[in-house]
Protein backbone atom coordinates (compact mmCIF):
# COMPACT_ATOMS: atom_id res chain seq x y z
CA MET A 1 99.27 220.88 204.02
CA ALA A 2 96.36 221.15 201.61
CA HIS A 3 97.83 221.37 198.16
CA SER A 4 97.16 219.77 194.80
CA ARG A 5 98.65 220.41 191.41
CA THR A 6 96.28 220.41 188.44
CA LEU A 7 97.03 217.64 185.98
CA ILE A 8 95.73 219.29 182.85
CA THR A 9 96.63 216.23 180.76
CA HIS A 10 94.20 214.23 182.89
CA THR A 11 91.42 216.78 183.32
CA SER A 12 91.58 218.35 179.84
CA SER A 13 93.30 215.81 177.63
CA ARG A 14 92.47 217.66 174.40
CA SER A 15 93.57 221.12 175.51
CA PRO A 16 96.42 222.91 173.69
CA VAL A 17 98.75 222.41 176.66
CA SER A 18 97.94 218.69 176.78
CA GLU A 19 98.78 218.45 173.09
CA GLN A 20 102.15 220.08 173.82
CA TYR A 21 102.87 217.41 176.42
CA LYS A 22 102.01 214.74 173.86
CA THR A 23 104.43 216.39 171.44
CA ILE A 24 107.15 216.23 174.10
CA ARG A 25 106.33 212.55 174.62
CA THR A 26 106.68 211.88 170.90
CA ASN A 27 109.98 213.75 170.72
CA ILE A 28 111.32 211.73 173.64
CA GLN A 29 110.32 208.48 171.99
CA PHE A 30 112.13 209.40 168.78
CA SER A 31 115.14 211.02 170.46
CA SER A 32 117.25 207.87 170.40
CA LEU A 33 117.61 205.49 167.49
CA ASP A 34 120.07 203.28 169.37
CA HIS A 35 117.88 202.14 172.24
CA GLN A 36 114.48 202.77 173.78
CA ILE A 37 114.26 205.56 176.36
CA ARG A 38 112.66 203.96 179.41
CA SER A 39 113.92 205.99 182.37
CA ILE A 40 113.82 209.79 182.36
CA VAL A 41 114.97 212.34 184.92
CA VAL A 42 113.09 215.65 184.86
CA THR A 43 114.89 218.49 186.59
CA SER A 44 115.55 222.25 186.49
CA SER A 45 118.35 224.64 187.34
CA GLY A 46 116.54 226.19 190.31
CA PRO A 47 113.30 225.99 192.31
CA ALA A 48 109.79 226.89 191.13
CA GLU A 49 110.52 226.43 187.43
CA GLY A 50 107.80 223.85 186.82
CA LYS A 51 109.69 220.56 186.82
CA SER A 52 107.25 218.75 189.12
CA THR A 53 104.23 219.85 187.10
CA THR A 54 106.02 218.86 183.91
CA VAL A 55 107.05 215.39 185.08
CA ALA A 56 103.58 214.61 186.46
CA ASN A 57 101.87 215.59 183.21
CA LEU A 58 104.43 213.67 181.16
CA ALA A 59 103.71 210.61 183.27
CA VAL A 60 100.02 210.98 182.46
CA VAL A 61 100.50 211.24 178.69
CA PHE A 62 102.79 208.20 178.65
CA ALA A 63 100.15 206.27 180.61
CA GLN A 64 97.48 207.42 178.15
CA GLN A 65 99.42 205.54 175.47
CA GLY A 66 98.71 202.33 177.34
CA LYS A 67 102.22 202.08 178.73
CA LYS A 68 102.75 200.94 182.30
CA VAL A 69 104.28 204.02 183.93
CA LEU A 70 105.91 204.67 187.30
CA LEU A 71 106.55 208.20 188.56
CA ILE A 72 109.21 208.30 191.30
CA ASP A 73 109.56 211.29 193.58
CA GLY A 74 113.34 211.51 193.80
CA ASP A 75 113.22 214.91 195.49
CA MET A 76 113.92 213.77 199.03
CA ARG A 77 114.38 217.36 200.18
CA LYS A 78 111.13 219.00 199.07
CA PRO A 79 108.85 216.20 197.83
CA THR A 80 105.63 217.19 196.06
CA VAL A 81 104.44 214.21 194.01
CA HIS A 82 102.22 212.97 196.85
CA TYR A 83 100.51 216.37 196.93
CA THR A 84 99.92 216.27 193.19
CA PHE A 85 98.20 212.90 193.34
CA GLN A 86 96.70 213.44 196.81
CA LEU A 87 98.51 210.50 198.37
CA THR A 88 100.07 209.92 201.77
CA ASN A 89 103.85 210.12 202.12
CA LEU A 90 104.38 207.73 205.00
CA ILE A 91 106.10 204.93 203.08
CA GLY A 92 108.10 205.39 199.91
CA LEU A 93 111.47 205.41 198.19
CA THR A 94 113.53 205.99 201.34
CA ASN A 95 111.96 202.94 203.00
CA VAL A 96 112.71 200.80 199.95
CA LEU A 97 116.34 201.93 199.65
CA SER A 98 116.95 201.42 203.37
CA LYS A 99 115.56 197.87 203.10
CA GLN A 100 112.58 198.54 205.36
CA THR A 101 110.10 197.33 202.74
CA GLU A 102 109.85 196.01 199.18
CA PHE A 103 108.99 198.43 196.37
CA THR A 104 105.81 196.46 195.70
CA ASN A 105 104.55 197.52 199.13
CA ALA A 106 105.47 201.17 198.60
CA VAL A 107 104.15 201.82 195.07
CA LYS A 108 100.69 203.40 194.96
CA LYS A 109 98.15 203.41 192.16
CA THR A 110 96.67 206.71 190.99
CA ASP A 111 93.37 207.78 189.46
CA VAL A 112 95.13 207.70 186.09
CA GLU A 113 94.94 204.30 184.41
CA ASN A 114 98.37 202.65 183.96
CA LEU A 115 100.10 205.23 186.18
CA SER A 116 101.59 204.35 189.57
CA VAL A 117 103.63 206.51 191.93
CA LEU A 118 106.50 205.87 194.32
CA VAL A 119 106.54 208.77 196.78
CA THR A 120 109.64 209.71 198.78
CA GLY A 121 108.52 208.52 202.17
CA PRO A 122 110.20 210.02 205.25
CA ILE A 123 112.85 212.62 204.40
CA PRO A 124 116.25 211.04 205.15
CA PRO A 125 119.38 212.75 206.51
CA ASN A 126 121.45 211.51 203.54
CA PRO A 127 119.49 211.81 200.26
CA ALA A 128 122.51 211.88 197.93
CA GLU A 129 124.03 208.77 199.51
CA LEU A 130 120.75 206.86 199.24
CA LEU A 131 120.18 207.85 195.61
CA GLY A 132 123.75 206.95 194.69
CA SER A 133 123.66 203.60 196.45
CA GLN A 134 123.78 200.08 195.06
CA ALA A 135 120.27 199.71 196.45
CA MET A 136 119.07 202.36 193.97
CA ASP A 137 120.77 200.54 191.10
CA SER A 138 119.14 197.28 192.14
CA LEU A 139 115.75 198.96 192.47
CA MET A 140 115.97 200.39 188.95
CA GLU A 141 116.76 196.94 187.56
CA GLU A 142 113.71 195.53 189.33
CA LEU A 143 111.51 198.34 188.06
CA TYR A 144 112.59 197.78 184.44
CA ASN A 145 111.07 194.31 184.71
CA VAL A 146 107.70 195.76 185.70
CA TYR A 147 107.27 199.16 184.04
CA ASP A 148 107.56 200.40 180.46
CA VAL A 149 108.46 203.97 181.42
CA ILE A 150 109.97 205.31 184.66
CA LEU A 151 110.02 209.07 185.30
CA LEU A 152 111.89 210.67 188.17
CA ASP A 153 111.28 214.08 189.72
CA THR A 154 114.50 215.41 191.25
CA PRO A 155 115.74 218.46 193.14
CA PRO A 156 117.12 221.36 191.06
CA VAL A 157 120.57 220.75 189.59
CA LEU A 158 122.22 223.84 191.06
CA ALA A 159 120.95 223.17 194.58
CA VAL A 160 122.33 219.68 195.30
CA THR A 161 123.95 216.77 193.47
CA ASP A 162 120.89 214.47 193.56
CA ALA A 163 119.76 215.21 190.00
CA GLN A 164 123.23 214.49 188.64
CA ILE A 165 123.38 211.21 190.54
CA LEU A 166 120.05 210.03 189.13
CA ALA A 167 120.71 211.37 185.64
CA ASN A 168 123.80 209.17 185.48
CA LYS A 169 121.63 206.13 186.19
CA CYS A 170 118.85 206.86 183.68
CA ASP A 171 118.41 206.72 179.91
CA GLY A 172 117.76 210.43 179.50
CA THR A 173 117.26 213.78 181.20
CA ILE A 174 114.94 216.70 180.50
CA LEU A 175 115.78 220.19 181.75
CA VAL A 176 112.76 222.39 182.51
CA VAL A 177 113.19 226.13 181.97
CA ASN A 178 110.71 228.80 183.04
CA SER A 179 110.55 231.60 180.47
CA GLY A 180 109.84 234.23 183.10
CA ARG A 181 112.11 233.01 185.87
CA THR A 182 115.12 231.00 184.70
CA GLN A 183 118.34 232.91 184.09
CA VAL A 184 120.20 231.87 180.94
CA ASP A 185 123.50 231.41 182.76
CA ALA A 186 121.80 229.20 185.36
CA ALA A 187 120.29 226.99 182.65
CA VAL A 188 123.66 226.71 180.89
CA LYS A 189 125.42 225.83 184.15
CA ALA A 190 122.79 223.16 184.89
CA LYS A 191 123.29 221.70 181.42
CA ASP A 192 127.06 221.65 181.92
CA LEU A 193 126.77 219.94 185.31
CA LEU A 194 124.53 217.24 183.85
CA GLU A 195 126.98 216.64 181.04
CA THR A 196 129.86 216.22 183.49
CA VAL A 197 128.19 213.03 184.77
CA ASN A 198 127.54 211.80 181.21
CA ALA A 199 123.82 212.45 181.43
CA LYS A 200 122.03 212.13 178.10
CA LEU A 201 120.19 215.44 177.77
CA LEU A 202 117.12 214.70 175.67
CA GLY A 203 116.08 218.33 175.45
CA VAL A 204 114.77 221.40 177.20
CA VAL A 205 111.14 222.12 178.04
CA LEU A 206 110.31 225.83 178.05
CA ASN A 207 107.21 226.46 180.10
CA GLN A 208 105.09 229.49 180.96
CA LYS A 209 105.69 230.86 177.48
CA LYS A 210 102.78 233.26 177.08
CA THR A 211 100.52 233.04 174.07
CA SER A 212 97.29 234.88 173.39
CA ASP A 213 95.11 232.32 175.16
CA SER A 214 97.24 229.79 177.01
CA ASN A 215 100.60 228.83 178.45
CA TYR A 216 102.21 226.46 175.99
CA TYR A 217 105.00 224.05 176.69
CA TYR A 218 107.67 223.94 174.01
CA TYR A 219 110.25 221.22 173.59
CA TYR A 220 113.65 221.73 172.10
CA GLY A 221 115.56 218.53 171.48
CA GLU A 222 119.29 218.44 171.07
């Protein structure tokens, strides 16, 4: 399947949209005074709301700060991160969690300095069980010793429980809302579901908000 997602933060780092991503990055970094936010789930209420584009561009702007960043494709149902970075998806997270390989063998470097990716690998029959396993907890602990920032792309909240499972394991969660697609009640329900698992909702990213010359990305922290 020939598909690639434009990483505007990489190709046009001074564009208005890139600046919005940098603003989101700054807001995330200052969203907690108690402890540093190092692992972030990026999700949405439903499909095609822009979460995968958002998380990929956020990964780029964190890497541009000189931080060592890992982007994990935690969407084991409809993975797209490998398309975005034009990588193969033969070995990845599922192989690591099922003890077929070490994460060091599965992580791939990208064209973006300081940014690595862990793709999903083969789609498993039991995504929720794998993501909720002790193996996932152990992997996160290992990754904290190597990376400054870990971002996770997940399936939509209202579709399956995967996003809730991962949000419970991470320092913070961002909910992506599409101004022309997302229904308010769906966004509210997604927020409520995340809060039931004690997810720390860092804020909401509103994308595809039309302006006179561009699509800006706005960030609303809690």
